[in-house]
Amino acid sequence: MFYFPGALDEQLYYSYQGKLRLVVFQSQICDILRTCHDNLGSGGHPGRRGTLEKVSASYHWKTLREDVNKWVDECPRCQHHETVKTVAPVLHPIQVHEAWSVLGIDLIGPLPTTAKGKRFILTATDLFTKWVVAKSLYSKMATEVSKKIVNILLDFGLVERIITDQGREFVNEVNRGVFEALNVKHCITSAYHPQANGQDERTNQNIKTALAKYCGEDQNDWDIHLRGIVAGINTSKQRSTKYTPYCALFGRHPRTPGVINITQEEGDDKCVVVLEETQDHVEAKTAAVEDLHAKVYHNIKNAQDRQKKAYESKKKT
């Protein structure tokens, strides 16, 4: 443990594996757990593992693990909406080597009609970083779906491939013309192997589970909570990549209500831009992101190998 007078507001910090975590008082624990588990955007009602990772990334106290487990186990919304365990499908892993190059796209709905008339959700998942984008829709007509896909590509950049199922909202002349104009390859999963878009199907399940925990009794206010739920997903560490989607895509850790920025030093708030320093920063940042993506790819490959071995082991029994 270290005590830093002045520079870090005279707080007590715990150092573990080269990272500082704020040592908190007993009176602060409930607020921290509420922020990292319950709150929309910074929490999202993750399970034990997800909540523990969010809390331990910034905080430390002696009974942290026990308190996290107790908080999650006794959470009324999590108890009421338990995660449904499904049988593992046949594995069809997709090899992706860089961020924002292959997207899995799918639809959720029809859902209860909101006050604004929304009934569907279009979800897009970057198969490398696991970054999720979700857009509410009035319908699943080809023109509306295509417009939302184009908006996503305009916001984050073009990709090499987009994977969807055979639904007519995806396979139509409108999307065919758009994908040809943007030089994006449209890969359509077959009826026999729909698991090829399994990553986005998992995204859909995560969103639907979270919506059930946050929405009112009629479930018709889901569009109000959607952005916060997606933010919670994108700032939660992924088991396969071992990084949050935010970090994997942008190359830095996100700033959220549940995370403390300990690295700030005096003068960091001054914005002075020097061209040479900016160029050096860009080059250093690029090298750091490339190194990060190499680690993400290695972690994904290891996760796929583990999943394959586990599946083959179950298949033999």
Protein backbone atom coordinates (compact mmCIF):
# COMPACT_ATOMS: atom_id res chain seq x y z
CA MET A 1 0.00 0.00 0.00
CA PHE A 2 1.14 3.53 -0.73
CA TYR A 3 0.26 6.96 0.61
CA PHE A 4 0.59 9.80 -1.88
CA PRO A 5 0.37 13.25 -0.29
CA GLY A 6 -0.76 16.13 -2.46
CA ALA A 7 -0.60 14.69 -5.98
CA LEU A 8 -3.34 12.13 -5.44
CA ASP A 9 -5.52 14.05 -2.98
CA GLU A 10 -3.84 12.33 0.01
CA GLN A 11 -5.76 9.12 -0.60
CA LEU A 12 -4.59 5.64 0.33
CA TYR A 13 -3.94 3.32 -2.62
CA TYR A 14 -3.24 -0.39 -2.93
CA SER A 15 -0.69 -1.48 -5.53
CA TYR A 16 -1.20 -4.84 -7.24
CA GLN A 17 0.38 -6.04 -10.47
CA GLY A 18 1.63 -2.56 -11.25
CA LYS A 19 -1.76 -0.86 -10.91
CA LEU A 20 -3.06 1.39 -8.15
CA ARG A 21 -6.50 0.84 -6.62
CA LEU A 22 -8.20 3.20 -4.20
CA VAL A 23 -8.60 1.82 -0.68
CA VAL A 24 -12.16 2.67 0.38
CA PHE A 25 -13.97 3.02 3.68
CA GLN A 26 -16.72 0.64 4.76
CA SER A 27 -19.28 3.43 4.31
CA GLN A 28 -18.38 3.73 0.61
CA ILE A 29 -18.77 0.07 -0.35
CA CYS A 30 -22.51 0.05 -1.09
CA ASP A 31 -22.27 3.09 -3.36
CA ILE A 32 -19.38 1.50 -5.28
CA LEU A 33 -21.22 -1.80 -5.71
CA ARG A 34 -24.35 0.04 -6.79
CA THR A 35 -22.36 1.99 -9.40
CA CYS A 36 -20.47 -1.01 -10.77
CA HIS A 37 -23.40 -3.45 -10.76
CA ASP A 38 -26.80 -1.73 -10.65
CA ASN A 39 -26.39 1.56 -12.47
CA LEU A 40 -27.27 1.90 -16.13
CA GLY A 41 -24.18 2.60 -18.24
CA SER A 42 -21.54 1.92 -15.60
CA GLY A 43 -23.04 -1.36 -14.37
CA GLY A 44 -25.62 -3.27 -16.36
CA HIS A 45 -26.28 -6.03 -13.80
CA PRO A 46 -23.37 -8.29 -14.79
CA GLY A 47 -22.80 -11.54 -12.93
CA ARG A 48 -20.25 -12.23 -10.22
CA ARG A 49 -17.23 -12.25 -12.53
CA GLY A 50 -18.20 -9.13 -14.47
CA THR A 51 -19.00 -7.14 -11.34
CA LEU A 52 -15.80 -8.27 -9.63
CA GLU A 53 -13.72 -7.12 -12.61
CA LYS A 54 -15.41 -3.72 -12.70
CA VAL A 55 -14.97 -3.12 -8.97
CA SER A 56 -11.44 -4.49 -8.58
CA ALA A 57 -10.20 -2.44 -11.53
CA SER A 58 -10.38 0.73 -9.40
CA TYR A 59 -11.00 -0.20 -5.77
CA HIS A 60 -9.65 -2.37 -2.98
CA TRP A 61 -10.88 -3.50 0.41
CA LYS A 62 -10.30 -6.67 2.42
CA THR A 63 -13.64 -8.41 1.80
CA LEU A 64 -14.12 -7.18 -1.79
CA ARG A 65 -14.75 -10.58 -3.41
CA GLU A 66 -17.15 -11.73 -0.70
CA ASP A 67 -19.07 -8.45 -0.78
CA VAL A 68 -19.36 -8.53 -4.58
CA ASN A 69 -20.65 -12.11 -4.59
CA LYS A 70 -23.19 -11.32 -1.87
CA TRP A 71 -24.36 -8.16 -3.67
CA VAL A 72 -24.90 -10.00 -6.97
CA ASP A 73 -26.52 -13.04 -5.34
CA GLU A 74 -28.97 -10.83 -3.43
CA CYS A 75 -29.73 -8.43 -6.30
CA PRO A 76 -33.55 -8.56 -6.73
CA ARG A 77 -33.47 -7.89 -10.47
CA CYS A 78 -30.78 -10.50 -11.11
CA GLN A 79 -32.71 -13.06 -9.04
CA HIS A 80 -35.92 -12.30 -10.95
CA HIS A 81 -34.24 -12.50 -14.36
CA GLU A 82 -31.78 -15.36 -14.13
CA THR A 83 -29.57 -15.99 -17.18
CA VAL A 84 -30.93 -18.82 -19.31
CA LYS A 85 -28.33 -21.51 -19.93
CA THR A 86 -28.38 -22.85 -23.47
CA VAL A 87 -26.85 -25.92 -25.11
CA ALA A 88 -23.60 -25.08 -26.88
CA PRO A 89 -24.09 -25.14 -30.69
CA VAL A 90 -21.71 -26.65 -33.21
CA LEU A 91 -18.61 -24.48 -33.34
CA HIS A 92 -17.98 -22.38 -36.46
CA PRO A 93 -15.23 -19.96 -35.33
CA ILE A 94 -14.50 -17.06 -37.66
CA GLN A 95 -10.91 -15.92 -37.98
CA VAL A 96 -10.66 -12.13 -37.64
CA HIS A 97 -7.27 -10.42 -37.55
CA GLU A 98 -8.00 -6.75 -36.94
CA ALA A 99 -10.47 -4.38 -35.32
CA TRP A 100 -13.59 -3.22 -37.13
CA SER A 101 -13.11 -5.45 -40.18
CA VAL A 102 -15.93 -7.99 -39.74
CA LEU A 103 -19.35 -7.18 -38.26
CA GLY A 104 -22.08 -9.57 -37.18
CA ILE A 105 -25.46 -7.89 -37.64
CA ASP A 106 -28.84 -9.10 -36.40
CA LEU A 107 -32.29 -7.95 -35.27
CA ILE A 108 -34.11 -8.16 -31.95
CA GLY A 109 -37.88 -8.01 -32.00
CA PRO A 110 -40.67 -7.35 -32.38
CA LEU A 111 -40.58 -5.83 -28.89
CA PRO A 112 -43.36 -3.99 -27.04
CA THR A 113 -44.04 -0.73 -28.90
CA THR A 114 -42.44 2.25 -27.15
CA ALA A 115 -43.92 5.73 -26.77
CA LYS A 116 -41.95 6.75 -29.87
CA GLY A 117 -43.29 3.80 -31.85
CA LYS A 118 -40.06 1.76 -31.85
CA ARG A 119 -40.43 -2.04 -32.13
CA PHE A 120 -37.07 -3.50 -33.16
CA ILE A 121 -33.35 -3.25 -32.35
CA LEU A 122 -30.59 -3.57 -34.94
CA THR A 123 -27.39 -4.88 -33.34
CA ALA A 124 -23.90 -4.87 -34.80
CA THR A 125 -20.93 -6.59 -33.13
CA ASP A 126 -17.30 -6.21 -34.14
CA LEU A 127 -16.08 -9.81 -34.11
CA PHE A 128 -12.54 -8.76 -33.12
CA THR A 129 -13.00 -6.21 -30.31
CA LYS A 130 -16.58 -7.32 -29.40
CA TRP A 131 -17.66 -3.65 -29.62
CA VAL A 132 -21.45 -3.42 -29.80
CA VAL A 133 -23.65 -0.87 -31.58
CA ALA A 134 -27.44 -0.99 -31.20
CA LYS A 135 -30.05 1.14 -32.99
CA SER A 136 -33.78 1.22 -32.28
CA LEU A 137 -36.09 0.78 -35.28
CA TYR A 138 -39.72 1.46 -36.11
CA SER A 139 -39.85 -1.56 -38.42
CA LYS A 140 -37.61 -4.11 -40.11
CA MET A 141 -38.26 -2.84 -43.61
CA ALA A 142 -35.23 -3.02 -45.88
CA THR A 143 -34.94 0.75 -46.30
CA GLU A 144 -34.88 1.47 -42.57
CA VAL A 145 -32.50 -1.38 -41.77
CA SER A 146 -30.16 -0.36 -44.58
CA LYS A 147 -30.13 3.28 -43.43
CA LYS A 148 -29.13 2.24 -39.89
CA ILE A 149 -26.34 0.01 -41.20
CA VAL A 150 -24.98 2.86 -43.31
CA ASN A 151 -25.12 5.20 -40.29
CA ILE A 152 -23.07 2.72 -38.25
CA LEU A 153 -20.46 2.51 -41.01
CA LEU A 154 -20.34 6.30 -41.30
CA ASP A 155 -19.80 6.62 -37.54
CA PHE A 156 -17.02 4.01 -37.22
CA GLY A 157 -15.70 3.42 -40.73
CA LEU A 158 -16.19 0.81 -43.44
CA VAL A 159 -15.56 -2.89 -42.86
CA GLU A 160 -14.50 -5.76 -45.10
CA ARG A 161 -17.37 -8.11 -44.30
CA ILE A 162 -20.83 -8.03 -42.77
CA ILE A 163 -22.40 -11.29 -41.59
CA THR A 164 -26.20 -11.64 -41.32
CA ASP A 165 -28.82 -14.35 -41.44
CA GLN A 166 -31.10 -14.95 -44.42
CA GLY A 167 -33.84 -12.59 -43.25
CA ARG A 168 -35.41 -10.45 -45.97
CA GLU A 169 -34.56 -7.33 -43.97
CA PHE A 170 -30.90 -8.13 -44.81
CA VAL A 171 -31.05 -10.02 -48.10
CA ASN A 172 -32.64 -7.58 -50.54
CA GLU A 173 -31.87 -5.29 -53.45
CA VAL A 174 -31.45 -2.22 -51.22
CA ASN A 175 -28.67 -3.75 -49.14
CA ARG A 176 -27.14 -5.41 -52.18
CA GLY A 177 -26.73 -2.03 -53.85
CA VAL A 178 -25.39 -0.40 -50.68
CA PHE A 179 -22.82 -3.11 -50.02
CA GLU A 180 -21.62 -3.04 -53.63
CA ALA A 181 -21.27 0.75 -53.54
CA LEU A 182 -19.28 0.58 -50.29
CA ASN A 183 -17.22 -2.46 -51.38
CA VAL A 184 -18.40 -4.47 -48.37
CA LYS A 185 -18.77 -8.22 -48.75
CA HIS A 186 -22.11 -9.53 -47.45
CA CYS A 187 -21.76 -13.01 -45.93
CA ILE A 188 -25.06 -14.80 -45.32
CA THR A 189 -25.29 -17.64 -42.80
CA SER A 190 -26.96 -20.78 -44.09
CA ALA A 191 -30.07 -22.26 -42.54
CA TYR A 192 -27.95 -25.25 -41.54
CA HIS A 193 -25.22 -23.23 -39.81
CA PRO A 194 -26.78 -20.10 -38.27
CA GLN A 195 -24.17 -20.27 -35.49
CA ALA A 196 -21.70 -18.57 -37.86
CA ASN A 197 -23.15 -15.33 -36.53
CA GLY A 198 -23.08 -16.58 -32.96
CA GLN A 199 -21.24 -13.56 -31.58
CA ASP A 200 -24.09 -11.20 -32.45
CA GLU A 201 -26.63 -13.72 -31.18
CA ARG A 202 -24.83 -13.59 -27.82
CA THR A 203 -24.97 -9.80 -28.03
CA ASN A 204 -28.72 -10.00 -28.53
CA GLN A 205 -29.11 -12.29 -25.53
CA ASN A 206 -27.08 -9.94 -23.35
CA ILE A 207 -29.16 -6.94 -24.42
CA LYS A 208 -32.48 -8.73 -23.91
CA THR A 209 -31.43 -9.94 -20.45
CA ALA A 210 -30.36 -6.44 -19.43
CA LEU A 211 -33.53 -4.86 -20.84
CA ALA A 212 -35.65 -7.22 -18.75
CA LYS A 213 -33.83 -5.99 -15.62
CA TYR A 214 -34.20 -2.28 -16.32
CA CYS A 215 -37.54 -1.93 -18.10
CA GLY A 216 -40.88 -1.29 -16.43
CA GLU A 217 -43.60 -3.87 -16.00
CA ASP A 218 -44.97 -3.34 -19.53
CA GLN A 219 -41.46 -3.50 -21.03
CA ASN A 220 -42.39 -0.65 -23.41
CA ASP A 221 -39.69 1.78 -22.29
CA TRP A 222 -36.77 -0.28 -23.58
CA ASP A 223 -35.58 2.41 -26.01
CA ILE A 224 -34.84 4.72 -23.05
CA HIS A 225 -32.44 2.20 -21.51
CA LEU A 226 -30.82 0.84 -24.68
CA ARG A 227 -27.83 3.19 -24.94
CA GLY A 228 -26.92 2.77 -21.28
CA ILE A 229 -27.11 -1.01 -21.55
CA VAL A 230 -24.83 -1.02 -24.59
CA ALA A 231 -22.39 1.27 -22.77
CA GLY A 232 -22.29 -1.24 -19.92
CA ILE A 233 -21.51 -4.07 -22.35
CA ASN A 234 -18.77 -2.09 -24.08
CA THR A 235 -17.05 -1.25 -20.79
CA SER A 236 -17.12 -4.80 -19.41
CA LYS A 237 -14.11 -7.08 -19.84
CA GLN A 238 -14.71 -9.86 -22.36
CA ARG A 239 -13.72 -13.38 -21.43
CA SER A 240 -12.26 -14.19 -24.86
CA THR A 241 -10.23 -11.01 -25.49
CA LYS A 242 -9.47 -10.26 -21.79
CA TYR A 243 -10.12 -6.58 -22.54
CA THR A 244 -13.17 -4.36 -22.60
CA PRO A 245 -14.52 -3.71 -26.12
CA TYR A 246 -13.87 -0.01 -25.53
CA CYS A 247 -10.20 -0.58 -24.75
CA ALA A 248 -9.75 -3.05 -27.61
CA LEU A 249 -11.23 -0.60 -30.14
CA PHE A 250 -9.89 2.76 -28.93
CA GLY A 251 -6.64 1.67 -27.30
CA ARG A 252 -7.33 3.13 -23.85
CA HIS A 253 -9.47 2.35 -20.84
CA PRO A 254 -12.89 4.05 -20.70
CA ARG A 255 -13.82 6.74 -18.22
CA THR A 256 -16.99 5.66 -16.42
CA PRO A 257 -18.63 6.61 -13.11
CA GLY A 258 -17.25 3.41 -11.58
CA VAL A 259 -13.63 3.98 -12.63
CA ILE A 260 -11.10 6.31 -11.01
CA ASN A 261 -8.47 8.05 -13.11
CA ILE A 262 -5.42 7.72 -10.89
CA THR A 263 -2.82 8.64 -13.51
CA GLN A 264 -3.77 12.32 -13.78
CA GLU A 265 -0.99 14.65 -12.73
CA GLU A 266 -0.85 18.36 -12.16
CA GLY A 267 -1.11 20.21 -15.46
CA ASP A 268 -2.89 17.41 -17.33
CA ASP A 269 -5.93 19.64 -17.76
CA LYS A 270 -3.93 22.14 -19.84
CA CYS A 271 -4.53 21.72 -23.56
CA VAL A 272 -1.40 22.82 -25.45
CA VAL A 273 -1.01 21.31 -28.91
CA VAL A 274 2.40 21.19 -30.55
CA LEU A 275 2.57 19.62 -34.01
CA GLU A 276 5.79 17.65 -33.42
CA GLU A 277 4.58 16.35 -30.07
CA THR A 278 1.23 15.42 -31.62
CA GLN A 279 3.00 13.42 -34.33
CA ASP A 280 5.11 11.61 -31.73
CA HIS A 281 1.98 10.88 -29.73
CA VAL A 282 0.18 9.48 -32.79
CA GLU A 283 3.11 7.21 -33.65
CA ALA A 284 3.42 5.98 -30.06
CA LYS A 285 -0.32 5.46 -29.82
CA THR A 286 -0.39 3.55 -33.10
CA ALA A 287 2.39 1.23 -31.92
CA ALA A 288 0.61 0.68 -28.60
CA VAL A 289 -2.70 -0.13 -30.31
CA GLU A 290 -0.99 -2.55 -32.70
CA ASP A 291 0.59 -4.30 -29.71
CA LEU A 292 -2.79 -4.38 -27.96
CA HIS A 293 -4.51 -5.89 -31.01
CA ALA A 294 -1.82 -8.57 -31.25
CA LYS A 295 -2.61 -9.54 -27.66
CA VAL A 296 -6.37 -9.50 -28.39
CA TYR A 297 -5.88 -11.78 -31.40
CA HIS A 298 -3.75 -14.16 -29.30
CA ASN A 299 -6.40 -14.25 -26.56
CA ILE A 300 -9.23 -14.87 -29.04
CA LYS A 301 -7.26 -17.71 -30.65
CA ASN A 302 -6.64 -19.30 -27.25
CA ALA A 303 -10.32 -18.93 -26.35
CA GLN A 304 -11.39 -20.58 -29.61
CA ASP A 305 -8.96 -23.46 -29.01
CA ARG A 306 -10.35 -23.94 -25.48
CA GLN A 307 -13.93 -23.87 -26.77
CA LYS A 308 -13.08 -26.40 -29.48
CA LYS A 309 -11.47 -28.79 -26.97
CA ALA A 310 -14.40 -28.42 -24.57
CA TYR A 311 -16.90 -29.06 -27.36
CA GLU A 312 -15.04 -32.12 -28.66
CA SER A 313 -14.76 -33.47 -25.11
CA LYS A 314 -18.53 -33.12 -24.58
CA LYS A 315 -19.19 -34.64 -27.99
CA LYS A 316 -17.21 -37.77 -27.09
CA THR A 317 -19.21 -38.26 -23.89
